[in-house]
């Protein structure tokens, strides 16, 4: 499969736009269009260079340190244990568990329950309080055993 020459394709299209602008637009609008075309051309050159380097194939950069990852795991565990103890957990509890992104912790807990705890169900419901936006409350229940 041939790779697309993105800068070449952009230049072909931009040449058509430049011709139309040169022919039909007054001087001020023509200059504005020409400037925008030049910017688009430069962006296309940069995109083509990134594609040639294979920039998109490199691993995603993660700025978190090992301590950050360990702290996130501890916070997730605390939220999970609170729900196992019967508590309903929501965004209002984020400070208690030192979680800056409660939705991420819940998503990780949901994934862990699906993989490791098939006997548990993560329940949720929308909570609508006066003066606040709706948010979800989460808790865990055990699946009923069918005999």
C-alpha atoms as a PDB file:
ATOM      1  CA  UNK A   1       0.000   0.000   0.000  1.00  0.00           C
ATOM      2  CA  UNK A   2       1.392   3.372  -0.996  1.00  0.00           C
ATOM      3  CA  UNK A   3       1.660   6.039   1.632  1.00  0.00           C
ATOM      4  CA  UNK A   4      -0.216   9.247   0.998  1.00  0.00           C
ATOM      5  CA  UNK A   5       1.898  12.260   0.142  1.00  0.00           C
ATOM      6  CA  UNK A   6      -0.176  14.584   2.266  1.00  0.00           C
ATOM      7  CA  UNK A   7       1.870  17.702   1.568  1.00  0.00           C
ATOM      8  CA  UNK A   8       1.659  17.110  -2.199  1.00  0.00           C
ATOM      9  CA  UNK A   9      -2.120  16.605  -2.074  1.00  0.00           C
ATOM     10  CA  UNK A  10      -2.586  19.750   0.026  1.00  0.00           C
ATOM     11  CA  UNK A  11      -0.427  21.792  -2.362  1.00  0.00           C
ATOM     12  CA  UNK A  12      -2.514  20.636  -5.338  1.00  0.00           C
ATOM     13  CA  UNK A  13      -5.757  21.704  -3.657  1.00  0.00           C
ATOM     14  CA  UNK A  14      -4.290  24.935  -2.289  1.00  0.00           C
ATOM     15  CA  UNK A  15      -3.048  25.866  -5.768  1.00  0.00           C
ATOM     16  CA  UNK A  16      -6.658  25.730  -6.981  1.00  0.00           C
ATOM     17  CA  UNK A  17      -7.826  27.879  -4.077  1.00  0.00           C
ATOM     18  CA  UNK A  18      -5.048  30.398  -4.753  1.00  0.00           C
ATOM     19  CA  UNK A  19      -6.039  30.659  -8.433  1.00  0.00           C
ATOM     20  CA  UNK A  20      -9.676  31.312  -7.530  1.00  0.00           C
ATOM     21  CA  UNK A  21      -8.676  33.880  -4.892  1.00  0.00           C
ATOM     22  CA  UNK A  22      -6.330  35.627  -7.347  1.00  0.00           C
ATOM     23  CA  UNK A  23      -9.024  35.819  -9.996  1.00  0.00           C
ATOM     24  CA  UNK A  24     -12.194  36.650  -8.062  1.00  0.00           C
ATOM     25  CA  UNK A  25     -11.386  38.239  -4.685  1.00  0.00           C
ATOM     26  CA  UNK A  26     -10.595  41.864  -3.879  1.00  0.00           C
ATOM     27  CA  UNK A  27      -7.091  42.597  -2.600  1.00  0.00           C
ATOM     28  CA  UNK A  28      -7.771  42.416   1.178  1.00  0.00           C
ATOM     29  CA  UNK A  29      -9.763  39.165   1.025  1.00  0.00           C
ATOM     30  CA  UNK A  30      -7.264  37.703  -1.465  1.00  0.00           C
ATOM     31  CA  UNK A  31      -4.346  38.385   0.895  1.00  0.00           C
ATOM     32  CA  UNK A  32      -6.232  36.853   3.805  1.00  0.00           C
ATOM     33  CA  UNK A  33      -6.967  33.701   1.791  1.00  0.00           C
ATOM     34  CA  UNK A  34      -3.353  33.505   0.583  1.00  0.00           C
ATOM     35  CA  UNK A  35      -2.086  33.751   4.171  1.00  0.00           C
ATOM     36  CA  UNK A  36      -4.436  30.990   5.304  1.00  0.00           C
ATOM     37  CA  UNK A  37      -3.330  28.817   2.382  1.00  0.00           C
ATOM     38  CA  UNK A  38       0.313  29.326   3.364  1.00  0.00           C
ATOM     39  CA  UNK A  39      -0.432  28.251   6.930  1.00  0.00           C
ATOM     40  CA  UNK A  40      -2.268  25.152   5.715  1.00  0.00           C
ATOM     41  CA  UNK A  41       0.671  24.342   3.458  1.00  0.00           C
ATOM     42  CA  UNK A  42       3.082  24.550   6.392  1.00  0.00           C
ATOM     43  CA  UNK A  43       0.832  22.325   8.548  1.00  0.00           C
ATOM     44  CA  UNK A  44       0.730  19.773   5.729  1.00  0.00           C
ATOM     45  CA  UNK A  45       4.537  19.798   5.516  1.00  0.00           C
ATOM     46  CA  UNK A  46       4.805  19.151   9.255  1.00  0.00           C
ATOM     47  CA  UNK A  47       2.227  16.356   9.102  1.00  0.00           C
ATOM     48  CA  UNK A  48       4.067  14.710   6.204  1.00  0.00           C
ATOM     49  CA  UNK A  49       7.348  14.894   8.119  1.00  0.00           C
ATOM     50  CA  UNK A  50       5.737  13.237  11.152  1.00  0.00           C
ATOM     51  CA  UNK A  51       4.298  10.464   8.989  1.00  0.00           C
ATOM     52  CA  UNK A  52       7.705   9.831   7.407  1.00  0.00           C
ATOM     53  CA  UNK A  53       9.389   9.617  10.812  1.00  0.00           C
ATOM     54  CA  UNK A  54       6.730   7.211  12.033  1.00  0.00           C
ATOM     55  CA  UNK A  55       5.933   9.518  14.932  1.00  0.00           C
ATOM     56  CA  UNK A  56       2.518   7.929  15.325  1.00  0.00           C
ATOM     57  CA  UNK A  57       4.116   4.548  15.999  1.00  0.00           C
ATOM     58  CA  UNK A  58       6.017   5.549  19.104  1.00  0.00           C
ATOM     59  CA  UNK A  59       4.663   4.649  22.530  1.00  0.00           C
ATOM     60  CA  UNK A  60       2.513   7.270  24.157  1.00  0.00           C
ATOM     61  CA  UNK A  61       4.441   9.408  26.611  1.00  0.00           C
ATOM     62  CA  UNK A  62       3.259   9.089  30.183  1.00  0.00           C
ATOM     63  CA  UNK A  63       4.511  11.815  32.522  1.00  0.00           C
ATOM     64  CA  UNK A  64       3.405   9.970  35.653  1.00  0.00           C
ATOM     65  CA  UNK A  65       6.102   8.660  37.975  1.00  0.00           C
ATOM     66  CA  UNK A  66       6.045   5.290  39.718  1.00  0.00           C
ATOM     67  CA  UNK A  67       4.881   7.050  42.879  1.00  0.00           C
ATOM     68  CA  UNK A  68       1.963   8.610  40.981  1.00  0.00           C
ATOM     69  CA  UNK A  69       0.903   5.227  39.623  1.00  0.00           C
ATOM     70  CA  UNK A  70       1.200   3.622  43.068  1.00  0.00           C
ATOM     71  CA  UNK A  71      -0.843   6.441  44.644  1.00  0.00           C
ATOM     72  CA  UNK A  72      -3.543   6.005  42.003  1.00  0.00           C
ATOM     73  CA  UNK A  73      -3.682   2.269  42.756  1.00  0.00           C
ATOM     74  CA  UNK A  74      -3.969   2.957  46.513  1.00  0.00           C
ATOM     75  CA  UNK A  75      -6.806   5.417  45.952  1.00  0.00           C
ATOM     76  CA  UNK A  76      -8.640   2.995  43.671  1.00  0.00           C
ATOM     77  CA  UNK A  77      -8.255   0.267  46.290  1.00  0.00           C
ATOM     78  CA  UNK A  78      -9.650   2.563  48.996  1.00  0.00           C
ATOM     79  CA  UNK A  79     -12.701   3.372  46.852  1.00  0.00           C
ATOM     80  CA  UNK A  80     -13.220  -0.322  46.070  1.00  0.00           C
ATOM     81  CA  UNK A  81     -12.970  -1.320  49.738  1.00  0.00           C
ATOM     82  CA  UNK A  82     -15.425   1.415  50.739  1.00  0.00           C
ATOM     83  CA  UNK A  83     -17.937   0.107  48.210  1.00  0.00           C
ATOM     84  CA  UNK A  84     -17.355  -3.475  49.400  1.00  0.00           C
ATOM     85  CA  UNK A  85     -18.168  -2.260  52.910  1.00  0.00           C
ATOM     86  CA  UNK A  86     -21.568  -1.160  51.637  1.00  0.00           C
ATOM     87  CA  UNK A  87     -20.971   2.546  51.026  1.00  0.00           C
ATOM     88  CA  UNK A  88     -22.381   4.511  48.119  1.00  0.00           C
ATOM     89  CA  UNK A  89     -19.549   6.472  46.510  1.00  0.00           C
ATOM     90  CA  UNK A  90     -19.835   9.490  44.225  1.00  0.00           C
ATOM     91  CA  UNK A  91     -17.919  12.574  43.129  1.00  0.00           C
ATOM     92  CA  UNK A  92     -18.513  14.253  46.481  1.00  0.00           C
ATOM     93  CA  UNK A  93     -16.216  11.638  48.064  1.00  0.00           C
ATOM     94  CA  UNK A  94     -13.267  12.404  45.785  1.00  0.00           C
ATOM     95  CA  UNK A  95     -11.413  14.487  48.385  1.00  0.00           C
ATOM     96  CA  UNK A  96     -11.889  11.800  51.040  1.00  0.00           C
ATOM     97  CA  UNK A  97     -10.180   9.219  48.831  1.00  0.00           C
ATOM     98  CA  UNK A  98      -7.620  11.704  47.423  1.00  0.00           C
ATOM     99  CA  UNK A  99      -8.855  11.023  43.888  1.00  0.00           C
ATOM    100  CA  UNK A 100      -8.718  13.826  41.356  1.00  0.00           C
ATOM    101  CA  UNK A 101     -10.572  11.852  38.672  1.00  0.00           C
ATOM    102  CA  UNK A 102     -13.222   9.740  40.331  1.00  0.00           C
ATOM    103  CA  UNK A 103     -14.614   8.633  36.970  1.00  0.00           C
ATOM    104  CA  UNK A 104     -11.231   7.066  36.121  1.00  0.00           C
ATOM    105  CA  UNK A 105     -11.103   5.192  39.423  1.00  0.00           C
ATOM    106  CA  UNK A 106     -14.653   3.900  38.872  1.00  0.00           C
ATOM    107  CA  UNK A 107     -13.820   2.826  35.311  1.00  0.00           C
ATOM    108  CA  UNK A 108     -10.796   0.902  36.600  1.00  0.00           C
ATOM    109  CA  UNK A 109     -12.877  -0.689  39.351  1.00  0.00           C
ATOM    110  CA  UNK A 110     -15.537  -1.665  36.811  1.00  0.00           C
ATOM    111  CA  UNK A 111     -12.860  -3.304  34.658  1.00  0.00           C
ATOM    112  CA  UNK A 112     -11.404  -5.129  37.680  1.00  0.00           C
ATOM    113  CA  UNK A 113     -14.831  -6.406  38.710  1.00  0.00           C
ATOM    114  CA  UNK A 114     -15.480  -7.716  35.202  1.00  0.00           C
ATOM    115  CA  UNK A 115     -12.123  -9.504  35.148  1.00  0.00           C
ATOM    116  CA  UNK A 116     -11.479 -10.612  38.723  1.00  0.00           C
ATOM    117  CA  UNK A 117     -14.777 -10.601  40.616  1.00  0.00           C
ATOM    118  CA  UNK A 118     -17.556 -12.180  38.537  1.00  0.00           C
ATOM    119  CA  UNK A 119     -19.610 -12.579  41.720  1.00  0.00           C
ATOM    120  CA  UNK A 120     -19.930  -8.790  42.159  1.00  0.00           C
ATOM    121  CA  UNK A 121     -22.029  -6.194  40.366  1.00  0.00           C
ATOM    122  CA  UNK A 122     -21.125  -2.506  40.208  1.00  0.00           C
ATOM    123  CA  UNK A 123     -24.395  -0.580  40.421  1.00  0.00           C
ATOM    124  CA  UNK A 124     -24.924   3.061  39.608  1.00  0.00           C
ATOM    125  CA  UNK A 125     -27.710   5.605  39.601  1.00  0.00           C
ATOM    126  CA  UNK A 126     -28.056   9.237  38.653  1.00  0.00           C
ATOM    127  CA  UNK A 127     -28.326  11.669  41.552  1.00  0.00           C
ATOM    128  CA  UNK A 128     -29.947  15.044  40.985  1.00  0.00           C
ATOM    129  CA  UNK A 129     -29.571  17.491  43.850  1.00  0.00           C
ATOM    130  CA  UNK A 130     -30.908  21.006  43.927  1.00  0.00           C
ATOM    131  CA  UNK A 131     -28.337  23.470  42.598  1.00  0.00           C
ATOM    132  CA  UNK A 132     -25.945  20.850  41.201  1.00  0.00           C
ATOM    133  CA  UNK A 133     -25.477  19.044  37.948  1.00  0.00           C
ATOM    134  CA  UNK A 134     -26.520  15.393  37.839  1.00  0.00           C
ATOM    135  CA  UNK A 135     -23.850  12.903  38.860  1.00  0.00           C
ATOM    136  CA  UNK A 136     -23.673   9.179  39.434  1.00  0.00           C
ATOM    137  CA  UNK A 137     -23.516   7.300  42.698  1.00  0.00           C
ATOM    138  CA  UNK A 138     -21.879   3.857  42.725  1.00  0.00           C
ATOM    139  CA  UNK A 139     -22.073   0.826  45.013  1.00  0.00           C
ATOM    140  CA  UNK A 140     -21.359  -2.875  44.835  1.00  0.00           C
ATOM    141  CA  UNK A 141     -23.696  -5.791  45.398  1.00  0.00           C
ATOM    142  CA  UNK A 142     -23.145  -9.529  45.196  1.00  0.00           C
ATOM    143  CA  UNK A 143     -24.791 -11.573  42.476  1.00  0.00           C
ATOM    144  CA  UNK A 144     -27.474 -13.909  43.663  1.00  0.00           C
ATOM    145  CA  UNK A 145     -26.531 -17.552  43.344  1.00  0.00           C
ATOM    146  CA  UNK A 146     -29.039 -19.541  41.340  1.00  0.00           C
ATOM    147  CA  UNK A 147     -29.468 -23.161  42.474  1.00  0.00           C
END
